[in-house]
Amino acid sequence: MELRAKKLLTIVTEAVLEPEIIQELKQVGIGGFTVDDVRGRGRRGVRRAEWEQSRTIRFQIVDEWPVLQNLITRLREDFADRYAMFMFVTDVATVE
């Protein structure tokens, strides 16, 4: 068993952005991701997911840091000013 160091990018954002974010993932060469419906409270208030327009989703993407940096830059430029979006990066190791 071998471990390979990578980065995990977690994106918490409005569900309306799911198709756009998936398109961005494809454009930077990311083929695999996980997306979940989530709820919680943040600096923009409570996101209860009581109706479709208020749903919140979480993307989790594991890849090399340069690829994720490119994605983060694109998402910040395209969406972060107009939509609720929180991103964080964690060190992970994948089992090879």
PDB file of N, CA and C in Angstrom:
ATOM      1  N   MET A   1       0.841  -1.178   0.000  1.00  0.00           N
ATOM      2  CA  MET A   1       0.000   0.000   0.000  1.00  0.00           C
ATOM      3  C   MET A   1       0.885   1.240   0.000  1.00  0.00           C
ATOM      4  N   GLU A   2       0.529   2.156  -0.855  1.00  0.00           N
ATOM      5  CA  GLU A   2       1.277   3.401  -0.976  1.00  0.00           C
ATOM      6  C   GLU A   2       0.320   4.579  -0.772  1.00  0.00           C
ATOM      7  N   LEU A   3       0.804   5.617  -0.075  1.00  0.00           N
ATOM      8  CA  LEU A   3       0.019   6.834   0.123  1.00  0.00           C
ATOM      9  C   LEU A   3       0.582   7.946  -0.744  1.00  0.00           C
ATOM     10  N   ARG A   4      -0.306   8.703  -1.365  1.00  0.00           N
ATOM     11  CA  ARG A   4       0.102   9.824  -2.208  1.00  0.00           C
ATOM     12  C   ARG A   4      -0.497  11.112  -1.646  1.00  0.00           C
ATOM     13  N   ALA A   5       0.361  12.107  -1.387  1.00  0.00           N
ATOM     14  CA  ALA A   5      -0.096  13.387  -0.839  1.00  0.00           C
ATOM     15  C   ALA A   5      -0.851  14.179  -1.903  1.00  0.00           C
ATOM     16  N   LYS A   6      -2.026  14.654  -1.516  1.00  0.00           N
ATOM     17  CA  LYS A   6      -2.841  15.488  -2.397  1.00  0.00           C
ATOM     18  C   LYS A   6      -3.537  16.543  -1.549  1.00  0.00           C
ATOM     19  N   LYS A   7      -4.412  17.310  -2.181  1.00  0.00           N
ATOM     20  CA  LYS A   7      -5.199  18.327  -1.497  1.00  0.00           C
ATOM     21  C   LYS A   7      -6.683  18.024  -1.690  1.00  0.00           C
ATOM     22  N   LEU A   8      -7.464  18.320  -0.661  1.00  0.00           N
ATOM     23  CA  LEU A   8      -8.915  18.216  -0.721  1.00  0.00           C
ATOM     24  C   LEU A   8      -9.474  19.632  -0.706  1.00  0.00           C
ATOM     25  N   LEU A   9     -10.189  20.000  -1.764  1.00  0.00           N
ATOM     26  CA  LEU A   9     -10.877  21.284  -1.835  1.00  0.00           C
ATOM     27  C   LEU A   9     -12.338  21.040  -1.506  1.00  0.00           C
ATOM     28  N   THR A  10     -12.845  21.759  -0.510  1.00  0.00           N
ATOM     29  CA  THR A  10     -14.259  21.707  -0.152  1.00  0.00           C
ATOM     30  C   THR A  10     -14.876  23.053  -0.502  1.00  0.00           C
ATOM     31  N   ILE A  11     -15.973  23.006  -1.239  1.00  0.00           N
ATOM     32  CA  ILE A  11     -16.693  24.210  -1.652  1.00  0.00           C
ATOM     33  C   ILE A  11     -18.115  24.101  -1.118  1.00  0.00           C
ATOM     34  N   VAL A  12     -18.528  25.064  -0.309  1.00  0.00           N
ATOM     35  CA  VAL A  12     -19.902  25.133   0.170  1.00  0.00           C
ATOM     36  C   VAL A  12     -20.526  26.352  -0.491  1.00  0.00           C
ATOM     37  N   THR A  13     -21.625  26.127  -1.229  1.00  0.00           N
ATOM     38  CA  THR A  13     -22.196  27.217  -2.013  1.00  0.00           C
ATOM     39  C   THR A  13     -23.677  26.975  -2.283  1.00  0.00           C
ATOM     40  N   GLU A  14     -24.276  27.893  -2.984  1.00  0.00           N
ATOM     41  CA  GLU A  14     -25.690  27.813  -3.336  1.00  0.00           C
ATOM     42  C   GLU A  14     -25.912  26.736  -4.401  1.00  0.00           C
ATOM     43  N   ALA A  15     -26.983  25.952  -4.239  1.00  0.00           N
ATOM     44  CA  ALA A  15     -27.261  24.834  -5.141  1.00  0.00           C
ATOM     45  C   ALA A  15     -27.464  25.283  -6.584  1.00  0.00           C
ATOM     46  N   VAL A  16     -27.915  26.507  -6.779  1.00  0.00           N
ATOM     47  CA  VAL A  16     -28.137  27.001  -8.140  1.00  0.00           C
ATOM     48  C   VAL A  16     -26.856  26.973  -8.977  1.00  0.00           C
ATOM     49  N   LEU A  17     -25.693  26.972  -8.316  1.00  0.00           N
ATOM     50  CA  LEU A  17     -24.407  26.972  -9.023  1.00  0.00           C
ATOM     51  C   LEU A  17     -23.912  25.584  -9.422  1.00  0.00           C
ATOM     52  N   GLU A  18     -24.605  24.539  -9.036  1.00  0.00           N
ATOM     53  CA  GLU A  18     -24.099  23.184  -9.314  1.00  0.00           C
ATOM     54  C   GLU A  18     -23.741  22.964 -10.780  1.00  0.00           C
ATOM     55  N   PRO A  19     -24.619  23.274 -11.749  1.00  0.00           N
ATOM     56  CA  PRO A  19     -24.235  23.033 -13.143  1.00  0.00           C
ATOM     57  C   PRO A  19     -23.032  23.861 -13.594  1.00  0.00           C
ATOM     58  N   GLU A  20     -22.948  25.100 -13.124  1.00  0.00           N
ATOM     59  CA  GLU A  20     -21.829  25.964 -13.507  1.00  0.00           C
ATOM     60  C   GLU A  20     -20.516  25.463 -12.925  1.00  0.00           C
ATOM     61  N   ILE A  21     -20.559  25.014 -11.678  1.00  0.00           N
ATOM     62  CA  ILE A  21     -19.332  24.502 -11.054  1.00  0.00           C
ATOM     63  C   ILE A  21     -18.895  23.201 -11.730  1.00  0.00           C
ATOM     64  N   ILE A  22     -19.832  22.344 -12.064  1.00  0.00           N
ATOM     65  CA  ILE A  22     -19.472  21.111 -12.777  1.00  0.00           C
ATOM     66  C   ILE A  22     -18.800  21.448 -14.108  1.00  0.00           C
ATOM     67  N   GLN A  23     -19.303  22.460 -14.789  1.00  0.00           N
ATOM     68  CA  GLN A  23     -18.678  22.892 -16.051  1.00  0.00           C
ATOM     69  C   GLN A  23     -17.256  23.393 -15.815  1.00  0.00           C
ATOM     70  N   GLU A  24     -17.057  24.171 -14.749  1.00  0.00           N
ATOM     71  CA  GLU A  24     -15.710  24.662 -14.406  1.00  0.00           C
ATOM     72  C   GLU A  24     -14.772  23.491 -14.103  1.00  0.00           C
ATOM     73  N   LEU A  25     -15.273  22.479 -13.387  1.00  0.00           N
ATOM     74  CA  LEU A  25     -14.456  21.303 -13.079  1.00  0.00           C
ATOM     75  C   LEU A  25     -13.971  20.634 -14.361  1.00  0.00           C
ATOM     76  N   LYS A  26     -14.886  20.467 -15.308  1.00  0.00           N
ATOM     77  CA  LYS A  26     -14.519  19.863 -16.588  1.00  0.00           C
ATOM     78  C   LYS A  26     -13.472  20.703 -17.318  1.00  0.00           C
ATOM     79  N   GLN A  27     -13.636  22.015 -17.291  1.00  0.00           N
ATOM     80  CA  GLN A  27     -12.731  22.897 -18.030  1.00  0.00           C
ATOM     81  C   GLN A  27     -11.309  22.890 -17.473  1.00  0.00           C
ATOM     82  N   VAL A  28     -11.141  22.637 -16.175  1.00  0.00           N
ATOM     83  CA  VAL A  28      -9.787  22.580 -15.606  1.00  0.00           C
ATOM     84  C   VAL A  28      -9.245  21.157 -15.550  1.00  0.00           C
ATOM     85  N   GLY A  29     -10.028  20.182 -16.056  1.00  0.00           N
ATOM     86  CA  GLY A  29      -9.531  18.817 -16.144  1.00  0.00           C
ATOM     87  C   GLY A  29      -9.819  17.934 -14.941  1.00  0.00           C
ATOM     88  N   ILE A  30     -10.780  18.306 -14.118  1.00  0.00           N
ATOM     89  CA  ILE A  30     -11.143  17.492 -12.961  1.00  0.00           C
ATOM     90  C   ILE A  30     -12.292  16.582 -13.364  1.00  0.00           C
ATOM     91  N   GLY A  31     -12.095  15.283 -13.229  1.00  0.00           N
ATOM     92  CA  GLY A  31     -13.113  14.335 -13.650  1.00  0.00           C
ATOM     93  C   GLY A  31     -13.925  13.750 -12.513  1.00  0.00           C
ATOM     94  N   GLY A  32     -13.406  13.804 -11.301  1.00  0.00           N
ATOM     95  CA  GLY A  32     -14.102  13.181 -10.178  1.00  0.00           C
ATOM     96  C   GLY A  32     -14.358  14.164  -9.049  1.00  0.00           C
ATOM     97  N   PHE A  33     -15.539  14.041  -8.456  1.00  0.00           N
ATOM     98  CA  PHE A  33     -15.904  14.902  -7.339  1.00  0.00           C
ATOM     99  C   PHE A  33     -17.083  14.278  -6.609  1.00  0.00           C
ATOM    100  N   THR A  34     -17.360  14.770  -5.424  1.00  0.00           N
ATOM    101  CA  THR A  34     -18.548  14.396  -4.668  1.00  0.00           C
ATOM    102  C   THR A  34     -19.323  15.667  -4.398  1.00  0.00           C
ATOM    103  N   VAL A  35     -20.653  15.604  -4.527  1.00  0.00           N
ATOM    104  CA  VAL A  35     -21.496  16.755  -4.200  1.00  0.00           C
ATOM    105  C   VAL A  35     -22.642  16.270  -3.317  1.00  0.00           C
ATOM    106  N   ASP A  36     -22.884  17.017  -2.226  1.00  0.00           N
ATOM    107  CA  ASP A  36     -23.923  16.681  -1.253  1.00  0.00           C
ATOM    108  C   ASP A  36     -24.810  17.891  -1.006  1.00  0.00           C
ATOM    109  N   ASP A  37     -26.066  17.639  -0.653  1.00  0.00           N
ATOM    110  CA  ASP A  37     -26.929  18.691  -0.128  1.00  0.00           C
ATOM    111  C   ASP A  37     -26.584  18.865   1.351  1.00  0.00           C
ATOM    112  N   VAL A  38     -26.423  20.107   1.777  1.00  0.00           N
ATOM    113  CA  VAL A  38     -26.065  20.397   3.169  1.00  0.00           C
ATOM    114  C   VAL A  38     -26.902  21.570   3.675  1.00  0.00           C
ATOM    115  N   ARG A  39     -26.863  21.796   4.958  1.00  0.00           N
ATOM    116  CA  ARG A  39     -27.508  22.959   5.541  1.00  0.00           C
ATOM    117  C   ARG A  39     -26.678  23.423   6.712  1.00  0.00           C
ATOM    118  N   GLY A  40     -26.869  24.671   7.097  1.00  0.00           N
ATOM    119  CA  GLY A  40     -26.101  25.204   8.212  1.00  0.00           C
ATOM    120  C   GLY A  40     -26.237  26.703   8.323  1.00  0.00           C
ATOM    121  N   ARG A  41     -25.322  27.304   9.042  1.00  0.00           N
ATOM    122  CA  ARG A  41     -25.339  28.737   9.293  1.00  0.00           C
ATOM    123  C   ARG A  41     -23.953  29.283   8.994  1.00  0.00           C
ATOM    124  N   GLY A  42     -23.909  30.435   8.349  1.00  0.00           N
ATOM    125  CA  GLY A  42     -22.642  31.081   8.022  1.00  0.00           C
ATOM    126  C   GLY A  42     -22.764  32.584   8.127  1.00  0.00           C
ATOM    127  N   ARG A  43     -21.798  33.287   7.575  1.00  0.00           N
ATOM    128  CA  ARG A  43     -21.786  34.742   7.690  1.00  0.00           C
ATOM    129  C   ARG A  43     -22.944  35.404   6.944  1.00  0.00           C
ATOM    130  N   ARG A  44     -23.571  34.676   6.037  1.00  0.00           N
ATOM    131  CA  ARG A  44     -24.734  35.212   5.320  1.00  0.00           C
ATOM    132  C   ARG A  44     -26.049  34.716   5.901  1.00  0.00           C
ATOM    133  N   GLY A  45     -26.016  34.104   7.085  1.00  0.00           N
ATOM    134  CA  GLY A  45     -27.237  33.659   7.753  1.00  0.00           C
ATOM    135  C   GLY A  45     -27.454  32.168   7.665  1.00  0.00           C
ATOM    136  N   VAL A  46     -28.664  31.752   8.035  1.00  0.00           N
ATOM    137  CA  VAL A  46     -29.040  30.341   8.066  1.00  0.00           C
ATOM    138  C   VAL A  46     -29.470  29.906   6.677  1.00  0.00           C
ATOM    139  N   ARG A  47     -29.004  28.742   6.252  1.00  0.00           N
ATOM    140  CA  ARG A  47     -29.401  28.131   4.982  1.00  0.00           C
ATOM    141  C   ARG A  47     -30.169  26.858   5.350  1.00  0.00           C
ATOM    142  N   ARG A  48     -31.499  26.934   5.328  1.00  0.00           N
ATOM    143  CA  ARG A  48     -32.333  25.830   5.813  1.00  0.00           C
ATOM    144  C   ARG A  48     -32.737  24.827   4.753  1.00  0.00           C
ATOM    145  N   ALA A  49     -32.613  25.159   3.507  1.00  0.00           N
ATOM    146  CA  ALA A  49     -33.000  24.264   2.411  1.00  0.00           C
ATOM    147  C   ALA A  49     -34.492  23.954   2.433  1.00  0.00           C
ATOM    148  N   GLU A  50     -35.299  24.889   2.918  1.00  0.00           N
ATOM    149  CA  GLU A  50     -36.744  24.678   2.965  1.00  0.00           C
ATOM    150  C   GLU A  50     -37.387  24.813   1.593  1.00  0.00           C
ATOM    151  N   TRP A  51     -36.757  25.511   0.695  1.00  0.00           N
ATOM    152  CA  TRP A  51     -37.267  25.625  -0.669  1.00  0.00           C
ATOM    153  C   TRP A  51     -36.090  25.601  -1.617  1.00  0.00           C
ATOM    154  N   GLU A  52     -36.327  25.227  -2.840  1.00  0.00           N
ATOM    155  CA  GLU A  52     -35.281  24.932  -3.819  1.00  0.00           C
ATOM    156  C   GLU A  52     -34.235  26.035  -3.939  1.00  0.00           C
ATOM    157  N   GLN A  53     -34.659  27.295  -3.979  1.00  0.00           N
ATOM    158  CA  GLN A  53     -33.719  28.397  -4.194  1.00  0.00           C
ATOM    159  C   GLN A  53     -32.787  28.635  -3.005  1.00  0.00           C
ATOM    160  N   SER A  54     -33.098  28.084  -1.842  1.00  0.00           N
ATOM    161  CA  SER A  54     -32.231  28.308  -0.686  1.00  0.00           C
ATOM    162  C   SER A  54     -31.359  27.103  -0.342  1.00  0.00           C
ATOM    163  N   ARG A  55     -31.386  26.062  -1.189  1.00  0.00           N
ATOM    164  CA  ARG A  55     -30.561  24.884  -0.902  1.00  0.00           C
ATOM    165  C   ARG A  55     -29.076  25.220  -0.977  1.00  0.00           C
ATOM    166  N   THR A  56     -28.313  24.508  -0.177  1.00  0.00           N
ATOM    167  CA  THR A  56     -26.860  24.650  -0.159  1.00  0.00           C
ATOM    168  C   THR A  56     -26.242  23.297  -0.494  1.00  0.00           C
ATOM    169  N   ILE A  57     -25.149  23.329  -1.255  1.00  0.00           N
ATOM    170  CA  ILE A  57     -24.448  22.102  -1.624  1.00  0.00           C
ATOM    171  C   ILE A  57     -22.986  22.194  -1.202  1.00  0.00           C
ATOM    172  N   ARG A  58     -22.370  21.014  -1.104  1.00  0.00           N
ATOM    173  CA  ARG A  58     -20.940  20.927  -0.785  1.00  0.00           C
ATOM    174  C   ARG A  58     -20.271  20.035  -1.815  1.00  0.00           C
ATOM    175  N   PHE A  59     -19.285  20.594  -2.505  1.00  0.00           N
ATOM    176  CA  PHE A  59     -18.432  19.829  -3.406  1.00  0.00           C
ATOM    177  C   PHE A  59     -17.181  19.431  -2.637  1.00  0.00           C
ATOM    178  N   GLN A  60     -16.700  18.206  -2.861  1.00  0.00           N
ATOM    179  CA  GLN A  60     -15.411  17.768  -2.350  1.00  0.00           C
ATOM    180  C   GLN A  60     -14.621  17.214  -3.524  1.00  0.00           C
ATOM    181  N   ILE A  61     -13.416  17.765  -3.705  1.00  0.00           N
ATOM    182  CA  ILE A  61     -12.580  17.436  -4.849  1.00  0.00           C
ATOM    183  C   ILE A  61     -11.165  17.154  -4.347  1.00  0.00           C
ATOM    184  N   VAL A  62     -10.605  16.012  -4.715  1.00  0.00           N
ATOM    185  CA  VAL A  62      -9.227  15.665  -4.367  1.00  0.00           C
ATOM    186  C   VAL A  62      -8.404  15.706  -5.647  1.00  0.00           C
ATOM    187  N   ASP A  63      -7.316  16.495  -5.619  1.00  0.00           N
ATOM    188  CA  ASP A  63      -6.458  16.605  -6.800  1.00  0.00           C
ATOM    189  C   ASP A  63      -5.128  17.225  -6.385  1.00  0.00           C
ATOM    190  N   GLU A  64      -4.298  17.461  -7.379  1.00  0.00           N
ATOM    191  CA  GLU A  64      -3.020  18.138  -7.155  1.00  0.00           C
ATOM    192  C   GLU A  64      -3.265  19.625  -6.911  1.00  0.00           C
ATOM    193  N   TRP A  65      -2.411  20.257  -6.104  1.00  0.00           N
ATOM    194  CA  TRP A  65      -2.584  21.650  -5.725  1.00  0.00           C
ATOM    195  C   TRP A  65      -2.655  22.612  -6.916  1.00  0.00           C
ATOM    196  N   PRO A  66      -1.808  22.520  -7.924  1.00  0.00           N
ATOM    197  CA  PRO A  66      -1.908  23.465  -9.044  1.00  0.00           C
ATOM    198  C   PRO A  66      -3.266  23.422  -9.755  1.00  0.00           C
ATOM    199  N   VAL A  67      -3.837  22.246  -9.890  1.00  0.00           N
ATOM    200  CA  VAL A  67      -5.148  22.111 -10.532  1.00  0.00           C
ATOM    201  C   VAL A  67      -6.211  22.800  -9.681  1.00  0.00           C
ATOM    202  N   LEU A  68      -6.150  22.567  -8.371  1.00  0.00           N
ATOM    203  CA  LEU A  68      -7.132  23.174  -7.469  1.00  0.00           C
ATOM    204  C   LEU A  68      -6.958  24.689  -7.381  1.00  0.00           C
ATOM    205  N   GLN A  69      -5.721  25.153  -7.408  1.00  0.00           N
ATOM    206  CA  GLN A  69      -5.479  26.605  -7.410  1.00  0.00           C
ATOM    207  C   GLN A  69      -6.149  27.256  -8.614  1.00  0.00           C
ATOM    208  N   ASN A  70      -6.015  26.646  -9.762  1.00  0.00           N
ATOM    209  CA  ASN A  70      -6.635  27.154 -10.981  1.00  0.00           C
ATOM    210  C   ASN A  70      -8.150  27.208 -10.817  1.00  0.00           C
ATOM    211  N   LEU A  71      -8.739  26.147 -10.293  1.00  0.00           N
ATOM    212  CA  LEU A  71     -10.176  26.114 -10.072  1.00  0.00           C
ATOM    213  C   LEU A  71     -10.618  27.193  -9.090  1.00  0.00           C
ATOM    214  N   ILE A  72      -9.913  27.338  -7.986  1.00  0.00           N
ATOM    215  CA  ILE A  72     -10.259  28.353  -6.980  1.00  0.00           C
ATOM    216  C   ILE A  72     -10.243  29.748  -7.601  1.00  0.00           C
ATOM    217  N   THR A  73      -9.233  30.042  -8.366  1.00  0.00           N
ATOM    218  CA  THR A  73      -9.135  31.350  -9.023  1.00  0.00           C
ATOM    219  C   THR A  73     -10.334  31.586  -9.925  1.00  0.00           C
ATOM    220  N   ARG A  74     -10.679  30.603 -10.730  1.00  0.00           N
ATOM    221  CA  ARG A  74     -11.815  30.732 -11.652  1.00  0.00           C
ATOM    222  C   ARG A  74     -13.125  30.935 -10.898  1.00  0.00           C
ATOM    223  N   LEU A  75     -13.340  30.154  -9.837  1.00  0.00           N
ATOM    224  CA  LEU A  75     -14.584  30.275  -9.077  1.00  0.00           C
ATOM    225  C   LEU A  75     -14.689  31.624  -8.380  1.00  0.00           C
ATOM    226  N   ARG A  76     -13.589  32.097  -7.827  1.00  0.00           N
ATOM    227  CA  ARG A  76     -13.618  33.414  -7.170  1.00  0.00           C
ATOM    228  C   ARG A  76     -13.925  34.511  -8.171  1.00  0.00           C
ATOM    229  N   GLU A  77     -13.314  34.433  -9.340  1.00  0.00           N
ATOM    230  CA  GLU A  77     -13.557  35.457 -10.370  1.00  0.00           C
ATOM    231  C   GLU A  77     -14.986  35.417 -10.897  1.00  0.00           C
ATOM    232  N   ASP A  78     -15.535  34.230 -11.070  1.00  0.00           N
ATOM    233  CA  ASP A  78     -16.838  34.087 -11.722  1.00  0.00           C
ATOM    234  C   ASP A  78     -18.039  34.168 -10.780  1.00  0.00           C
ATOM    235  N   PHE A  79     -17.884  33.738  -9.511  1.00  0.00           N
ATOM    236  CA  PHE A  79     -19.069  33.574  -8.677  1.00  0.00           C
ATOM    237  C   PHE A  79     -19.012  34.169  -7.273  1.00  0.00           C
ATOM    238  N   ALA A  80     -17.840  34.264  -6.675  1.00  0.00           N
ATOM    239  CA  ALA A  80     -17.742  34.570  -5.246  1.00  0.00           C
ATOM    240  C   ALA A  80     -18.348  35.915  -4.855  1.00  0.00           C
ATOM    241  N   ASP A  81     -18.348  36.881  -5.749  1.00  0.00           N
ATOM    242  CA  ASP A  81     -18.910  38.198  -5.416  1.00  0.00           C
ATOM    243  C   ASP A  81     -20.433  38.219  -5.451  1.00  0.00           C
ATOM    244  N   ARG A  82     -21.043  37.289  -6.170  1.00  0.00           N
ATOM    245  CA  ARG A  82     -22.494  37.324  -6.362  1.00  0.00           C
ATOM    246  C   ARG A  82     -23.254  36.222  -5.636  1.00  0.00           C
ATOM    247  N   TYR A  83     -22.549  35.213  -5.154  1.00  0.00           N
ATOM    248  CA  TYR A  83     -23.193  34.078  -4.506  1.00  0.00           C
ATOM    249  C   TYR A  83     -22.484  33.759  -3.196  1.00  0.00           C
ATOM    250  N   ALA A  84     -23.231  33.149  -2.269  1.00  0.00           N
ATOM    251  CA  ALA A  84     -22.610  32.659  -1.041  1.00  0.00           C
ATOM    252  C   ALA A  84     -21.701  31.492  -1.414  1.00  0.00           C
ATOM    253  N   MET A  85     -20.426  31.600  -1.048  1.00  0.00           N
ATOM    254  CA  MET A  85     -19.464  30.557  -1.386  1.00  0.00           C
ATOM    255  C   MET A  85     -18.341  30.573  -0.355  1.00  0.00           C
ATOM    256  N   PHE A  86     -18.066  29.399   0.210  1.00  0.00           N
ATOM    257  CA  PHE A  86     -17.000  29.232   1.191  1.00  0.00           C
ATOM    258  C   PHE A  86     -16.144  28.075   0.715  1.00  0.00           C
ATOM    259  N   MET A  87     -14.829  28.284   0.640  1.00  0.00           N
ATOM    260  CA  MET A  87     -13.914  27.238   0.179  1.00  0.00           C
ATOM    261  C   MET A  87     -12.794  27.051   1.194  1.00  0.00           C
ATOM    262  N   PHE A  88     -12.383  25.804   1.378  1.00  0.00           N
ATOM    263  CA  PHE A  88     -11.195  25.535   2.193  1.00  0.00           C
ATOM    264  C   PHE A  88     -10.461  24.324   1.651  1.00  0.00           C
ATOM    265  N   VAL A  89      -9.160  24.280   1.930  1.00  0.00           N
ATOM    266  CA  VAL A  89      -8.271  23.243   1.410  1.00  0.00           C
ATOM    267  C   VAL A  89      -7.652  22.500   2.593  1.00  0.00           C
ATOM    268  N   THR A  90      -7.599  21.187   2.452  1.00  0.00           N
ATOM    269  CA  THR A  90      -7.064  20.315   3.503  1.00  0.00           C
ATOM    270  C   THR A  90      -6.028  19.375   2.865  1.00  0.00           C
ATOM    271  N   ASP A  91      -4.955  19.093   3.603  1.00  0.00           N
ATOM    272  CA  ASP A  91      -3.996  18.086   3.164  1.00  0.00           C
ATOM    273  C   ASP A  91      -4.597  16.700   3.378  1.00  0.00           C
ATOM    274  N   VAL A  92      -4.503  15.849   2.356  1.00  0.00           N
ATOM    275  CA  VAL A  92      -4.988  14.470   2.450  1.00  0.00           C
ATOM    276  C   VAL A  92      -3.966  13.543   1.815  1.00  0.00           C
ATOM    277  N   ALA A  93      -4.131  12.264   2.064  1.00  0.00           N
ATOM    278  CA  ALA A  93      -3.315  11.244   1.399  1.00  0.00           C
ATOM    279  C   ALA A  93      -4.258  10.212   0.813  1.00  0.00           C
ATOM    280  N   THR A  94      -4.072   9.914  -0.471  1.00  0.00           N
ATOM    281  CA  THR A  94      -4.898   8.895  -1.117  1.00  0.00           C
ATOM    282  C   THR A  94      -4.171   7.554  -1.067  1.00  0.00           C
ATOM    283  N   VAL A  95      -4.945   6.493  -0.968  1.00  0.00           N
ATOM    284  CA  VAL A  95      -4.392   5.150  -0.949  1.00  0.00           C
ATOM    285  C   VAL A  95      -4.252   4.676  -2.379  1.00  0.00           C
ATOM    286  N   GLU A  96      -3.039   4.339  -2.761  1.00  0.00           N
ATOM    287  CA  GLU A  96      -2.757   3.888  -4.138  1.00  0.00           C
ATOM    288  C   GLU A  96      -2.575   2.393  -4.157  1.00  0.00           C
TER     289      GLU A  96
END
